[in-house]
Amino acid sequence: MLVLGIETSCDETAVALYDSVQGLLADRLYSQIAIHAEYGGVVPELAARDHIRKLVPLIRKSLEDSRLGLQDIDGVAYTRGPGLAGALLVGATMGQALAFGLAVPAVGVHHMEGHLLAPMLEQTRPHFPFLALLVSGGHTLLVDVAGPGEYNILGESLDDAVGEAFDKTAKLLGLAYPGGPSVAKEAEKGRMDRFKFPRPMTDRPGLDFSFSGLKTFTLITAREHEDDNQQLTDQIRADIALAFQEAATDTLLIKARRALQQTGYEQLVIAGGVGANKSLRQKLNEMAEQENISVYFPRPEFCTDNGAMIAYVGCLRLSAGESEGMAVAVKPRWKLSDLKPPGERKHKVKS
């Protein structure tokens, strides 16, 4: 089965073609970073408009890359949620229109399920069940993954997601958007022994996270070290960036280790944009060696939003007989735990 995957949940327009036999055949992405950078964050209306402009050209290029035509597509998958409502509607409308015109089924995919299963696109992949640490701009989750569509949330952020905390820290330090890469780059120049930030909620039982207090601690530290013109020196800015990154990644490490001990699993999957952070990867790899477990990371370009993960999950669900019918319905808020295994939610395709 050849599936066209469409991802438009936020500020990246992505398209991919995945074949159930040959694997990933094409993968195209357009990032809107330059559009939103001057605002310091994503502007939903601008995001939706740009998806409209970029989606059709990306579909054409993906077909050219794979030397295939629209007539070769057996099914269409698009991100149904969670995400920005307007952005999601662009992908859902295009996906349903294509499916209708080609007389093939379409299925809406959960964005977070795409991230969780992105490591399955690699040559070395985990087997079920496994523990997943999903870290992005909108989510921080520890998930017991029994199989596709079988997700038990073990811990989550009670306030800011870790990616959101990175973005807000970058903004208060005067660094460029997006915040994650900017803070990481600035941290490379920092002095390890200059500041010591708290590791939130690691001194108590449980697997939940909280990053709002760490963000506030960072803000207070920055204000305390501003000069008379309310400016930070370059070195102090780098020191604060490093202290924040160390605290955030240590917190993720501590909770992941605790979850592995509680579940007894020997496999850990890292998913989401923060999974590209080099410091986090190094710490988790060191833990894996110490604990004799396996850690799986998607390639860096599959940590952030992409069409390949949507096409892959869509292929699983379409192959199991799922489809959305002709309904163009998105779910900006959608719990991962609401999902069911592929094939348990079937609809007859209307033509």
C-alpha atoms as a PDB file:
ATOM      1  CA  MET A   1       0.000   0.000   0.000  1.00  0.00           C
ATOM      2  CA  LEU A   2       1.330   3.439  -1.015  1.00  0.00           C
ATOM      3  CA  VAL A   3       0.238   6.187   1.387  1.00  0.00           C
ATOM      4  CA  LEU A   4       0.564   9.942   1.012  1.00  0.00           C
ATOM      5  CA  GLY A   5       1.151  11.572   4.403  1.00  0.00           C
ATOM      6  CA  ILE A   6       0.311  15.234   5.116  1.00  0.00           C
ATOM      7  CA  GLU A   7       1.431  17.098   8.253  1.00  0.00           C
ATOM      8  CA  THR A   8       0.150  20.655   8.937  1.00  0.00           C
ATOM      9  CA  SER A   9      -0.420  20.726  12.688  1.00  0.00           C
ATOM     10  CA  CYS A  10       1.645  23.826  13.464  1.00  0.00           C
ATOM     11  CA  ASP A  11       4.398  25.742  11.675  1.00  0.00           C
ATOM     12  CA  GLU A  12       5.848  23.141   9.308  1.00  0.00           C
ATOM     13  CA  THR A  13       4.299  21.908   6.088  1.00  0.00           C
ATOM     14  CA  ALA A  14       5.367  18.333   5.406  1.00  0.00           C
ATOM     15  CA  VAL A  15       4.522  15.660   2.856  1.00  0.00           C
ATOM     16  CA  ALA A  16       5.818  12.105   2.492  1.00  0.00           C
ATOM     17  CA  LEU A  17       5.152   8.917   0.554  1.00  0.00           C
ATOM     18  CA  TYR A  18       5.410   5.614   2.427  1.00  0.00           C
ATOM     19  CA  ASP A  19       5.044   2.187   0.857  1.00  0.00           C
ATOM     20  CA  SER A  20       4.191  -0.811   3.016  1.00  0.00           C
ATOM     21  CA  VAL A  21       6.764  -2.922   1.146  1.00  0.00           C
ATOM     22  CA  GLN A  22       9.486  -0.503   0.032  1.00  0.00           C
ATOM     23  CA  GLY A  23       9.347   1.857   3.010  1.00  0.00           C
ATOM     24  CA  LEU A  24       9.829   5.624   2.792  1.00  0.00           C
ATOM     25  CA  LEU A  25       9.981   6.797  -0.829  1.00  0.00           C
ATOM     26  CA  ALA A  26       9.828  10.576  -0.503  1.00  0.00           C
ATOM     27  CA  ASP A  27       9.929  13.144   2.279  1.00  0.00           C
ATOM     28  CA  ARG A  28       9.544  16.898   1.826  1.00  0.00           C
ATOM     29  CA  LEU A  29       9.277  19.670   4.424  1.00  0.00           C
ATOM     30  CA  TYR A  30       8.939  23.439   4.454  1.00  0.00           C
ATOM     31  CA  SER A  31       9.593  25.246   7.741  1.00  0.00           C
ATOM     32  CA  GLN A  32       7.864  28.525   8.593  1.00  0.00           C
ATOM     33  CA  ILE A  33      10.539  29.607  11.102  1.00  0.00           C
ATOM     34  CA  ALA A  34      11.408  32.736   9.122  1.00  0.00           C
ATOM     35  CA  ILE A  35       7.745  33.814   9.042  1.00  0.00           C
ATOM     36  CA  HIS A  36       7.187  33.501  12.797  1.00  0.00           C
ATOM     37  CA  ALA A  37      10.657  34.508  14.044  1.00  0.00           C
ATOM     38  CA  GLU A  38       9.868  38.234  14.204  1.00  0.00           C
ATOM     39  CA  TYR A  39       6.917  37.494  16.497  1.00  0.00           C
ATOM     40  CA  GLY A  40       8.877  35.199  18.806  1.00  0.00           C
ATOM     41  CA  GLY A  41       6.356  32.394  18.371  1.00  0.00           C
ATOM     42  CA  VAL A  42       3.826  30.845  16.023  1.00  0.00           C
ATOM     43  CA  VAL A  43       1.016  33.075  14.721  1.00  0.00           C
ATOM     44  CA  PRO A  44      -1.853  30.634  13.951  1.00  0.00           C
ATOM     45  CA  GLU A  45      -3.422  32.625  11.099  1.00  0.00           C
ATOM     46  CA  LEU A  46      -0.087  33.081   9.326  1.00  0.00           C
ATOM     47  CA  ALA A  47       0.670  29.387   9.764  1.00  0.00           C
ATOM     48  CA  ALA A  48      -2.606  28.301   8.151  1.00  0.00           C
ATOM     49  CA  ARG A  49      -2.191  30.674   5.220  1.00  0.00           C
ATOM     50  CA  ASP A  50       1.308  29.461   4.495  1.00  0.00           C
ATOM     51  CA  HIS A  51       0.225  25.821   4.608  1.00  0.00           C
ATOM     52  CA  ILE A  52      -2.264  26.643   1.839  1.00  0.00           C
ATOM     53  CA  ARG A  53       0.525  28.118  -0.290  1.00  0.00           C
ATOM     54  CA  LYS A  54       3.072  25.357   0.228  1.00  0.00           C
ATOM     55  CA  LEU A  55       1.088  22.111   0.415  1.00  0.00           C
ATOM     56  CA  VAL A  56       0.320  21.485  -3.264  1.00  0.00           C
ATOM     57  CA  PRO A  57       3.905  22.223  -4.452  1.00  0.00           C
ATOM     58  CA  LEU A  58       5.272  19.842  -1.805  1.00  0.00           C
ATOM     59  CA  ILE A  59       2.908  17.071  -2.927  1.00  0.00           C
ATOM     60  CA  ARG A  60       4.048  17.547  -6.514  1.00  0.00           C
ATOM     61  CA  LYS A  61       7.724  17.472  -5.555  1.00  0.00           C
ATOM     62  CA  SER A  62       7.236  14.340  -3.441  1.00  0.00           C
ATOM     63  CA  LEU A  63       5.647  12.553  -6.385  1.00  0.00           C
ATOM     64  CA  GLU A  64       8.488  13.704  -8.637  1.00  0.00           C
ATOM     65  CA  ASP A  65      11.081  12.490  -6.100  1.00  0.00           C
ATOM     66  CA  SER A  66       9.552   9.022  -6.093  1.00  0.00           C
ATOM     67  CA  ARG A  67       8.820   9.007  -9.836  1.00  0.00           C
ATOM     68  CA  LEU A  68       5.196   8.238  -9.115  1.00  0.00           C
ATOM     69  CA  GLY A  69       1.881   9.840 -10.005  1.00  0.00           C
ATOM     70  CA  LEU A  70      -1.329  10.567  -8.141  1.00  0.00           C
ATOM     71  CA  GLN A  71      -2.852   7.455  -9.697  1.00  0.00           C
ATOM     72  CA  ASP A  72      -0.341   5.304  -7.762  1.00  0.00           C
ATOM     73  CA  ILE A  73      -1.587   6.438  -4.342  1.00  0.00           C
ATOM     74  CA  ASP A  74      -3.622   3.837  -2.442  1.00  0.00           C
ATOM     75  CA  GLY A  75      -4.544   5.973   0.573  1.00  0.00           C
ATOM     76  CA  VAL A  76      -4.096   9.387   2.179  1.00  0.00           C
ATOM     77  CA  ALA A  77      -3.152  10.139   5.788  1.00  0.00           C
ATOM     78  CA  TYR A  78      -3.242  13.586   7.361  1.00  0.00           C
ATOM     79  CA  THR A  79      -2.724  14.968  10.838  1.00  0.00           C
ATOM     80  CA  ARG A  80      -6.131  15.279  12.477  1.00  0.00           C
ATOM     81  CA  GLY A  81      -4.830  16.625  15.777  1.00  0.00           C
ATOM     82  CA  PRO A  82      -3.713  17.831  18.191  1.00  0.00           C
ATOM     83  CA  GLY A  83      -2.534  21.187  16.871  1.00  0.00           C
ATOM     84  CA  LEU A  84      -3.723  24.572  15.625  1.00  0.00           C
ATOM     85  CA  ALA A  85      -7.290  24.316  14.330  1.00  0.00           C
ATOM     86  CA  GLY A  86      -6.765  26.397  11.199  1.00  0.00           C
ATOM     87  CA  ALA A  87      -3.527  24.648  10.287  1.00  0.00           C
ATOM     88  CA  LEU A  88      -5.061  21.208  10.824  1.00  0.00           C
ATOM     89  CA  LEU A  89      -8.019  22.081   8.603  1.00  0.00           C
ATOM     90  CA  VAL A  90      -5.716  22.843   5.676  1.00  0.00           C
ATOM     91  CA  GLY A  91      -4.197  19.364   5.762  1.00  0.00           C
ATOM     92  CA  ALA A  92      -7.485  17.629   6.491  1.00  0.00           C
ATOM     93  CA  THR A  93      -9.292  19.374   3.639  1.00  0.00           C
ATOM     94  CA  MET A  94      -6.511  18.640   1.167  1.00  0.00           C
ATOM     95  CA  GLY A  95      -6.281  15.039   2.326  1.00  0.00           C
ATOM     96  CA  GLN A  96     -10.006  14.426   1.995  1.00  0.00           C
ATOM     97  CA  ALA A  97     -10.193  16.182  -1.372  1.00  0.00           C
ATOM     98  CA  LEU A  98      -7.383  14.076  -2.782  1.00  0.00           C
ATOM     99  CA  ALA A  99      -8.877  10.879  -1.398  1.00  0.00           C
ATOM    100  CA  PHE A 100     -12.274  11.710  -2.887  1.00  0.00           C
ATOM    101  CA  GLY A 101     -10.784  12.581  -6.279  1.00  0.00           C
ATOM    102  CA  LEU A 102      -8.674   9.428  -6.366  1.00  0.00           C
ATOM    103  CA  ALA A 103     -11.428   7.191  -4.899  1.00  0.00           C
ATOM    104  CA  VAL A 104      -9.095   5.957  -2.142  1.00  0.00           C
ATOM    105  CA  PRO A 105      -9.556   5.941   1.647  1.00  0.00           C
ATOM    106  CA  ALA A 106      -8.295   8.704   3.923  1.00  0.00           C
ATOM    107  CA  VAL A 107      -7.450   8.532   7.626  1.00  0.00           C
ATOM    108  CA  GLY A 108      -6.759  11.182  10.247  1.00  0.00           C
ATOM    109  CA  VAL A 109      -3.635  10.520  12.327  1.00  0.00           C
ATOM    110  CA  HIS A 110      -2.830  11.569  15.895  1.00  0.00           C
ATOM    111  CA  HIS A 111       0.240  13.805  15.759  1.00  0.00           C
ATOM    112  CA  MET A 112       1.738  12.344  18.940  1.00  0.00           C
ATOM    113  CA  GLU A 113       1.273   8.776  17.714  1.00  0.00           C
ATOM    114  CA  GLY A 114       3.312   9.799  14.703  1.00  0.00           C
ATOM    115  CA  HIS A 115       6.141  10.980  16.955  1.00  0.00           C
ATOM    116  CA  LEU A 116       5.957   7.865  19.149  1.00  0.00           C
ATOM    117  CA  LEU A 117       6.305   5.537  16.168  1.00  0.00           C
ATOM    118  CA  ALA A 118       8.845   7.622  14.202  1.00  0.00           C
ATOM    119  CA  PRO A 119      11.725   5.333  15.313  1.00  0.00           C
ATOM    120  CA  MET A 120      10.019   2.563  13.331  1.00  0.00           C
ATOM    121  CA  LEU A 121      11.233   4.372  10.197  1.00  0.00           C
ATOM    122  CA  GLU A 122      14.854   3.596  11.113  1.00  0.00           C
ATOM    123  CA  GLN A 123      16.805   0.434  10.269  1.00  0.00           C
ATOM    124  CA  THR A 124      17.391  -0.281  13.964  1.00  0.00           C
ATOM    125  CA  ARG A 125      14.019  -0.115  15.672  1.00  0.00           C
ATOM    126  CA  PRO A 126      12.496  -1.120  19.010  1.00  0.00           C
ATOM    127  CA  HIS A 127      10.038  -3.951  19.514  1.00  0.00           C
ATOM    128  CA  PHE A 128       6.842  -3.709  21.541  1.00  0.00           C
ATOM    129  CA  PRO A 129       6.369  -3.073  24.391  1.00  0.00           C
ATOM    130  CA  PHE A 130       8.672  -0.163  25.287  1.00  0.00           C
ATOM    131  CA  LEU A 131       8.835   3.056  27.291  1.00  0.00           C
ATOM    132  CA  ALA A 132       8.640   6.330  25.373  1.00  0.00           C
ATOM    133  CA  LEU A 133       9.724   9.804  26.444  1.00  0.00           C
ATOM    134  CA  LEU A 134       7.860  12.266  24.247  1.00  0.00           C
ATOM    135  CA  VAL A 135       9.323  15.765  24.528  1.00  0.00           C
ATOM    136  CA  SER A 136       8.132  18.602  22.309  1.00  0.00           C
ATOM    137  CA  GLY A 137       6.914  22.183  22.343  1.00  0.00           C
ATOM    138  CA  GLY A 138       3.445  21.106  23.392  1.00  0.00           C
ATOM    139  CA  HIS A 139       3.950  17.857  25.293  1.00  0.00           C
ATOM    140  CA  THR A 140       6.140  16.173  27.878  1.00  0.00           C
ATOM    141  CA  LEU A 141       4.985  12.589  28.345  1.00  0.00           C
ATOM    142  CA  LEU A 142       6.240   9.278  29.631  1.00  0.00           C
ATOM    143  CA  VAL A 143       4.244   6.596  27.836  1.00  0.00           C
ATOM    144  CA  ASP A 144       3.978   2.841  28.251  1.00  0.00           C
ATOM    145  CA  VAL A 145       3.686   1.708  24.620  1.00  0.00           C
ATOM    146  CA  ALA A 146       2.219  -1.808  24.511  1.00  0.00           C
ATOM    147  CA  GLY A 147       1.682  -1.663  20.740  1.00  0.00           C
ATOM    148  CA  PRO A 148       0.324   0.648  18.015  1.00  0.00           C
ATOM    149  CA  GLY A 149      -2.673   2.472  19.464  1.00  0.00           C
ATOM    150  CA  GLU A 150      -2.087   1.055  22.961  1.00  0.00           C
ATOM    151  CA  TYR A 151      -0.719   3.902  25.048  1.00  0.00           C
ATOM    152  CA  ASN A 152      -0.777   4.302  28.815  1.00  0.00           C
ATOM    153  CA  ILE A 153       0.337   7.724  30.093  1.00  0.00           C
ATOM    154  CA  LEU A 154       2.634   7.240  33.089  1.00  0.00           C
ATOM    155  CA  GLY A 155       3.625  10.861  33.586  1.00  0.00           C
ATOM    156  CA  GLU A 156       3.069  14.273  32.005  1.00  0.00           C
ATOM    157  CA  SER A 157       3.811  17.937  32.539  1.00  0.00           C
ATOM    158  CA  LEU A 158       1.478  19.683  34.960  1.00  0.00           C
ATOM    159  CA  ASP A 159       2.169  23.055  33.314  1.00  0.00           C
ATOM    160  CA  ASP A 160       4.680  24.040  30.627  1.00  0.00           C
ATOM    161  CA  ALA A 161       5.976  21.389  28.251  1.00  0.00           C
ATOM    162  CA  VAL A 162       9.757  21.163  28.197  1.00  0.00           C
ATOM    163  CA  GLY A 163       9.925  22.509  24.642  1.00  0.00           C
ATOM    164  CA  GLU A 164       7.751  25.449  25.662  1.00  0.00           C
ATOM    165  CA  ALA A 165      10.113  26.106  28.585  1.00  0.00           C
ATOM    166  CA  PHE A 166      13.055  26.179  26.157  1.00  0.00           C
ATOM    167  CA  ASP A 167      11.208  28.657  23.924  1.00  0.00           C
ATOM    168  CA  LYS A 168      10.295  30.951  26.828  1.00  0.00           C
ATOM    169  CA  THR A 169      13.834  30.814  28.213  1.00  0.00           C
ATOM    170  CA  ALA A 170      15.241  31.774  24.833  1.00  0.00           C
ATOM    171  CA  LYS A 171      12.866  34.721  24.647  1.00  0.00           C
ATOM    172  CA  LEU A 172      13.755  36.075  28.090  1.00  0.00           C
ATOM    173  CA  LEU A 173      17.465  35.734  27.268  1.00  0.00           C
ATOM    174  CA  GLY A 174      16.990  37.583  23.984  1.00  0.00           C
ATOM    175  CA  LEU A 175      17.827  34.569  21.830  1.00  0.00           C
ATOM    176  CA  ALA A 176      16.354  33.741  18.437  1.00  0.00           C
ATOM    177  CA  TYR A 177      13.235  31.664  17.756  1.00  0.00           C
ATOM    178  CA  PRO A 178      12.900  28.669  17.828  1.00  0.00           C
ATOM    179  CA  GLY A 179      14.180  28.508  21.372  1.00  0.00           C
ATOM    180  CA  GLY A 180      15.415  24.939  21.660  1.00  0.00           C
ATOM    181  CA  PRO A 181      18.284  25.163  19.159  1.00  0.00           C
ATOM    182  CA  SER A 182      19.120  28.718  20.274  1.00  0.00           C
ATOM    183  CA  VAL A 183      19.445  27.799  23.955  1.00  0.00           C
ATOM    184  CA  ALA A 184      21.492  24.703  23.067  1.00  0.00           C
ATOM    185  CA  LYS A 185      23.875  26.729  20.900  1.00  0.00           C
ATOM    186  CA  GLU A 186      24.261  29.418  23.569  1.00  0.00           C
ATOM    187  CA  ALA A 187      24.849  26.767  26.238  1.00  0.00           C
ATOM    188  CA  GLU A 188      27.943  25.550  24.371  1.00  0.00           C
ATOM    189  CA  LYS A 189      29.723  28.728  25.515  1.00  0.00           C
ATOM    190  CA  GLY A 190      28.554  28.480  29.133  1.00  0.00           C
ATOM    191  CA  ARG A 191      30.550  27.673  32.276  1.00  0.00           C
ATOM    192  CA  MET A 192      29.305  24.535  34.013  1.00  0.00           C
ATOM    193  CA  ASP A 193      30.098  25.705  37.566  1.00  0.00           C
ATOM    194  CA  ARG A 194      28.591  29.234  37.348  1.00  0.00           C
ATOM    195  CA  PHE A 195      24.939  28.491  38.225  1.00  0.00           C
ATOM    196  CA  LYS A 196      23.054  25.550  39.731  1.00  0.00           C
ATOM    197  CA  PHE A 197      19.351  25.412  38.855  1.00  0.00           C
ATOM    198  CA  PRO A 198      16.763  23.123  40.542  1.00  0.00           C
ATOM    199  CA  ARG A 199      15.628  19.831  39.023  1.00  0.00           C
ATOM    200  CA  PRO A 200      11.862  20.243  39.518  1.00  0.00           C
ATOM    201  CA  MET A 201       9.763  17.467  41.086  1.00  0.00           C
ATOM    202  CA  THR A 202      12.667  15.010  41.226  1.00  0.00           C
ATOM    203  CA  ASP A 203      12.769  15.029  45.041  1.00  0.00           C
ATOM    204  CA  ARG A 204       9.350  13.358  45.334  1.00  0.00           C
ATOM    205  CA  PRO A 205       7.758  10.143  44.043  1.00  0.00           C
ATOM    206  CA  GLY A 206       5.946  10.039  40.732  1.00  0.00           C
ATOM    207  CA  LEU A 207       6.596  10.548  37.056  1.00  0.00           C
ATOM    208  CA  ASP A 208       4.901  13.896  36.406  1.00  0.00           C
ATOM    209  CA  PHE A 209       6.866  16.965  35.311  1.00  0.00           C
ATOM    210  CA  SER A 210       6.715  20.696  36.008  1.00  0.00           C
ATOM    211  CA  PHE A 211       8.822  23.277  34.207  1.00  0.00           C
ATOM    212  CA  SER A 212       7.108  26.574  35.063  1.00  0.00           C
ATOM    213  CA  GLY A 213       9.110  26.931  38.278  1.00  0.00           C
ATOM    214  CA  LEU A 214      12.376  26.308  36.438  1.00  0.00           C
ATOM    215  CA  LYS A 215      11.409  28.974  33.924  1.00  0.00           C
ATOM    216  CA  THR A 216      10.699  31.423  36.777  1.00  0.00           C
ATOM    217  CA  PHE A 217      14.007  30.558  38.469  1.00  0.00           C
ATOM    218  CA  THR A 218      15.761  31.297  35.170  1.00  0.00           C
ATOM    219  CA  LEU A 219      13.994  34.645  34.894  1.00  0.00           C
ATOM    220  CA  ILE A 220      14.921  35.657  38.458  1.00  0.00           C
ATOM    221  CA  THR A 221      18.554  34.664  37.912  1.00  0.00           C
ATOM    222  CA  ALA A 222      18.716  36.689  34.707  1.00  0.00           C
ATOM    223  CA  ARG A 223      17.208  39.770  36.377  1.00  0.00           C
ATOM    224  CA  GLU A 224      19.657  39.514  39.282  1.00  0.00           C
ATOM    225  CA  HIS A 225      22.634  39.607  36.920  1.00  0.00           C
ATOM    226  CA  GLU A 226      21.569  42.393  34.568  1.00  0.00           C
ATOM    227  CA  ASP A 227      23.730  45.515  34.437  1.00  0.00           C
ATOM    228  CA  ASP A 228      22.490  49.069  34.962  1.00  0.00           C
ATOM    229  CA  ASN A 229      21.041  49.046  31.431  1.00  0.00           C
ATOM    230  CA  GLN A 230      19.090  45.842  32.133  1.00  0.00           C
ATOM    231  CA  GLN A 231      21.408  43.853  29.891  1.00  0.00           C
ATOM    232  CA  LEU A 232      23.228  40.562  30.397  1.00  0.00           C
ATOM    233  CA  THR A 233      26.848  40.092  29.434  1.00  0.00           C
ATOM    234  CA  ASP A 234      27.430  37.503  26.738  1.00  0.00           C
ATOM    235  CA  GLN A 235      29.110  35.181  29.222  1.00  0.00           C
ATOM    236  CA  ILE A 236      26.335  35.401  31.827  1.00  0.00           C
ATOM    237  CA  ARG A 237      23.727  34.736  29.131  1.00  0.00           C
ATOM    238  CA  ALA A 238      25.616  31.618  28.056  1.00  0.00           C
ATOM    239  CA  ASP A 239      26.036  30.491  31.675  1.00  0.00           C
ATOM    240  CA  ILE A 240      22.302  30.812  32.315  1.00  0.00           C
ATOM    241  CA  ALA A 241      21.467  28.963  29.081  1.00  0.00           C
ATOM    242  CA  LEU A 242      23.737  26.103  30.120  1.00  0.00           C
ATOM    243  CA  ALA A 243      22.337  25.962  33.664  1.00  0.00           C
ATOM    244  CA  PHE A 244      18.778  25.839  32.316  1.00  0.00           C
ATOM    245  CA  GLN A 245      19.585  23.149  29.749  1.00  0.00           C
ATOM    246  CA  GLU A 246      21.367  21.015  32.364  1.00  0.00           C
ATOM    247  CA  ALA A 247      18.429  21.284  34.763  1.00  0.00           C
ATOM    248  CA  ALA A 248      15.829  20.477  32.093  1.00  0.00           C
ATOM    249  CA  THR A 249      17.694  17.524  30.607  1.00  0.00           C
ATOM    250  CA  ASP A 250      18.659  16.141  34.042  1.00  0.00           C
ATOM    251  CA  THR A 251      14.980  16.242  35.024  1.00  0.00           C
ATOM    252  CA  LEU A 252      14.002  14.270  31.916  1.00  0.00           C
ATOM    253  CA  LEU A 253      16.807  11.795  32.587  1.00  0.00           C
ATOM    254  CA  ILE A 254      15.832  11.231  36.231  1.00  0.00           C
ATOM    255  CA  LYS A 255      12.165  10.666  35.417  1.00  0.00           C
ATOM    256  CA  ALA A 256      12.962   8.375  32.474  1.00  0.00           C
ATOM    257  CA  ARG A 257      15.266   6.275  34.650  1.00  0.00           C
ATOM    258  CA  ARG A 258      12.550   6.070  37.321  1.00  0.00           C
ATOM    259  CA  ALA A 259       9.947   4.975  34.749  1.00  0.00           C
ATOM    260  CA  LEU A 260      12.255   2.274  33.398  1.00  0.00           C
ATOM    261  CA  GLN A 261      12.729   0.932  36.914  1.00  0.00           C
ATOM    262  CA  GLN A 262       8.990   0.936  37.572  1.00  0.00           C
ATOM    263  CA  THR A 263       8.034  -0.779  34.306  1.00  0.00           C
ATOM    264  CA  GLY A 264      10.999  -3.114  34.067  1.00  0.00           C
ATOM    265  CA  TYR A 265      11.363  -2.242  30.379  1.00  0.00           C
ATOM    266  CA  GLU A 266      14.766  -2.401  28.741  1.00  0.00           C
ATOM    267  CA  GLN A 267      13.906  -0.183  25.756  1.00  0.00           C
ATOM    268  CA  LEU A 268      13.471   3.594  25.769  1.00  0.00           C
ATOM    269  CA  VAL A 269      12.249   5.563  22.754  1.00  0.00           C
ATOM    270  CA  ILE A 270      12.818   9.318  22.561  1.00  0.00           C
ATOM    271  CA  ALA A 271      10.388  11.285  20.399  1.00  0.00           C
ATOM    272  CA  GLY A 272       9.621  14.939  19.692  1.00  0.00           C
ATOM    273  CA  GLY A 273      11.658  18.030  18.904  1.00  0.00           C
ATOM    274  CA  VAL A 274      13.580  18.204  22.196  1.00  0.00           C
ATOM    275  CA  GLY A 275      14.829  14.702  21.387  1.00  0.00           C
ATOM    276  CA  ALA A 276      17.293  16.373  19.014  1.00  0.00           C
ATOM    277  CA  ASN A 277      19.048  18.098  21.942  1.00  0.00           C
ATOM    278  CA  LYS A 278      22.645  16.822  22.027  1.00  0.00           C
ATOM    279  CA  SER A 279      22.981  17.119  25.801  1.00  0.00           C
ATOM    280  CA  LEU A 280      19.852  15.026  26.367  1.00  0.00           C
ATOM    281  CA  ARG A 281      21.010  12.406  23.882  1.00  0.00           C
ATOM    282  CA  GLN A 282      24.409  12.130  25.523  1.00  0.00           C
ATOM    283  CA  LYS A 283      22.942  11.725  29.003  1.00  0.00           C
ATOM    284  CA  LEU A 284      20.432   9.107  27.887  1.00  0.00           C
ATOM    285  CA  ASN A 285      23.088   7.163  26.004  1.00  0.00           C
ATOM    286  CA  GLU A 286      25.298   7.177  29.108  1.00  0.00           C
ATOM    287  CA  MET A 287      22.362   5.949  31.203  1.00  0.00           C
ATOM    288  CA  ALA A 288      21.649   3.216  28.661  1.00  0.00           C
ATOM    289  CA  GLU A 289      25.218   1.951  28.965  1.00  0.00           C
ATOM    290  CA  GLN A 290      25.093   2.053  32.761  1.00  0.00           C
ATOM    291  CA  GLU A 291      21.699   0.319  32.990  1.00  0.00           C
ATOM    292  CA  ASN A 292      22.272  -2.074  30.078  1.00  0.00           C
ATOM    293  CA  ILE A 293      19.204  -0.932  28.180  1.00  0.00           C
ATOM    294  CA  SER A 294      18.613   0.205  24.592  1.00  0.00           C
ATOM    295  CA  VAL A 295      17.711   3.795  23.642  1.00  0.00           C
ATOM    296  CA  TYR A 296      16.186   4.606  20.268  1.00  0.00           C
ATOM    297  CA  PHE A 297      16.227   8.062  18.691  1.00  0.00           C
ATOM    298  CA  PRO A 298      14.661   9.028  15.379  1.00  0.00           C
ATOM    299  CA  ARG A 299      17.059  10.809  13.044  1.00  0.00           C
ATOM    300  CA  PRO A 300      17.152  14.548  13.925  1.00  0.00           C
ATOM    301  CA  GLU A 301      14.861  15.547  11.047  1.00  0.00           C
ATOM    302  CA  PHE A 302      12.248  13.067  12.291  1.00  0.00           C
ATOM    303  CA  CYS A 303      12.349  14.463  15.840  1.00  0.00           C
ATOM    304  CA  THR A 304      10.603  17.601  14.643  1.00  0.00           C
ATOM    305  CA  ASP A 305       7.295  17.559  12.747  1.00  0.00           C
ATOM    306  CA  ASN A 306       7.452  15.610   9.488  1.00  0.00           C
ATOM    307  CA  GLY A 307       5.256  13.877   6.952  1.00  0.00           C
ATOM    308  CA  ALA A 308       7.050  10.525   7.128  1.00  0.00           C
ATOM    309  CA  MET A 309       5.702   9.683  10.580  1.00  0.00           C
ATOM    310  CA  ILE A 310       2.155  10.566   9.483  1.00  0.00           C
ATOM    311  CA  ALA A 311       2.446   8.446   6.340  1.00  0.00           C
ATOM    312  CA  TYR A 312       3.808   5.510   8.365  1.00  0.00           C
ATOM    313  CA  VAL A 313       1.043   5.574  10.999  1.00  0.00           C
ATOM    314  CA  GLY A 314      -1.516   6.185   8.277  1.00  0.00           C
ATOM    315  CA  CYS A 315      -0.285   3.090   6.450  1.00  0.00           C
ATOM    316  CA  LEU A 316      -0.714   0.996   9.607  1.00  0.00           C
ATOM    317  CA  ARG A 317      -4.274   2.197  10.111  1.00  0.00           C
ATOM    318  CA  LEU A 318      -5.358   2.169   6.467  1.00  0.00           C
ATOM    319  CA  SER A 319      -3.963  -1.351   6.035  1.00  0.00           C
ATOM    320  CA  ALA A 320      -6.130  -2.395   8.989  1.00  0.00           C
ATOM    321  CA  GLY A 321      -9.249  -1.081   7.247  1.00  0.00           C
ATOM    322  CA  GLU A 322      -9.659   2.311   8.914  1.00  0.00           C
ATOM    323  CA  SER A 323     -10.891   5.409   7.096  1.00  0.00           C
ATOM    324  CA  GLU A 324     -12.651   8.658   7.937  1.00  0.00           C
ATOM    325  CA  GLY A 325     -15.382   8.552   5.347  1.00  0.00           C
ATOM    326  CA  MET A 326     -15.891  12.022   3.879  1.00  0.00           C
ATOM    327  CA  ALA A 327     -15.932  13.937   7.148  1.00  0.00           C
ATOM    328  CA  VAL A 328     -13.483  16.840   7.386  1.00  0.00           C
ATOM    329  CA  ALA A 329     -13.114  16.912  11.170  1.00  0.00           C
ATOM    330  CA  VAL A 330     -10.055  17.953  13.169  1.00  0.00           C
ATOM    331  CA  LYS A 331      -9.288  17.615  16.889  1.00  0.00           C
ATOM    332  CA  PRO A 332      -7.080  20.473  18.148  1.00  0.00           C
ATOM    333  CA  ARG A 333      -7.227  18.799  21.586  1.00  0.00           C
ATOM    334  CA  TRP A 334      -6.929  15.025  21.467  1.00  0.00           C
ATOM    335  CA  LYS A 335      -5.728  12.730  24.233  1.00  0.00           C
ATOM    336  CA  LEU A 336      -3.231  10.109  23.174  1.00  0.00           C
ATOM    337  CA  SER A 337      -4.869   7.635  25.548  1.00  0.00           C
ATOM    338  CA  ASP A 338      -8.122   7.905  23.549  1.00  0.00           C
ATOM    339  CA  LEU A 339      -6.599   6.004  20.634  1.00  0.00           C
ATOM    340  CA  LYS A 340      -7.329   2.377  19.842  1.00  0.00           C
ATOM    341  CA  PRO A 341      -5.216  -0.214  18.010  1.00  0.00           C
ATOM    342  CA  PRO A 342      -5.361  -0.119  14.193  1.00  0.00           C
ATOM    343  CA  GLY A 343      -8.508  -1.740  12.854  1.00  0.00           C
ATOM    344  CA  GLU A 344     -10.682  -1.251  15.921  1.00  0.00           C
ATOM    345  CA  ARG A 345     -12.139   1.965  14.506  1.00  0.00           C
ATOM    346  CA  LYS A 346     -13.467   1.316  11.016  1.00  0.00           C
ATOM    347  CA  HIS A 347     -15.659   3.398   8.766  1.00  0.00           C
ATOM    348  CA  LYS A 348     -17.021   2.641   5.350  1.00  0.00           C
ATOM    349  CA  VAL A 349     -15.550   4.921   2.715  1.00  0.00           C
ATOM    350  CA  LYS A 350     -18.231   7.015   1.065  1.00  0.00           C
ATOM    351  CA  SER A 351     -17.877   7.827  -2.596  1.00  0.00           C
END
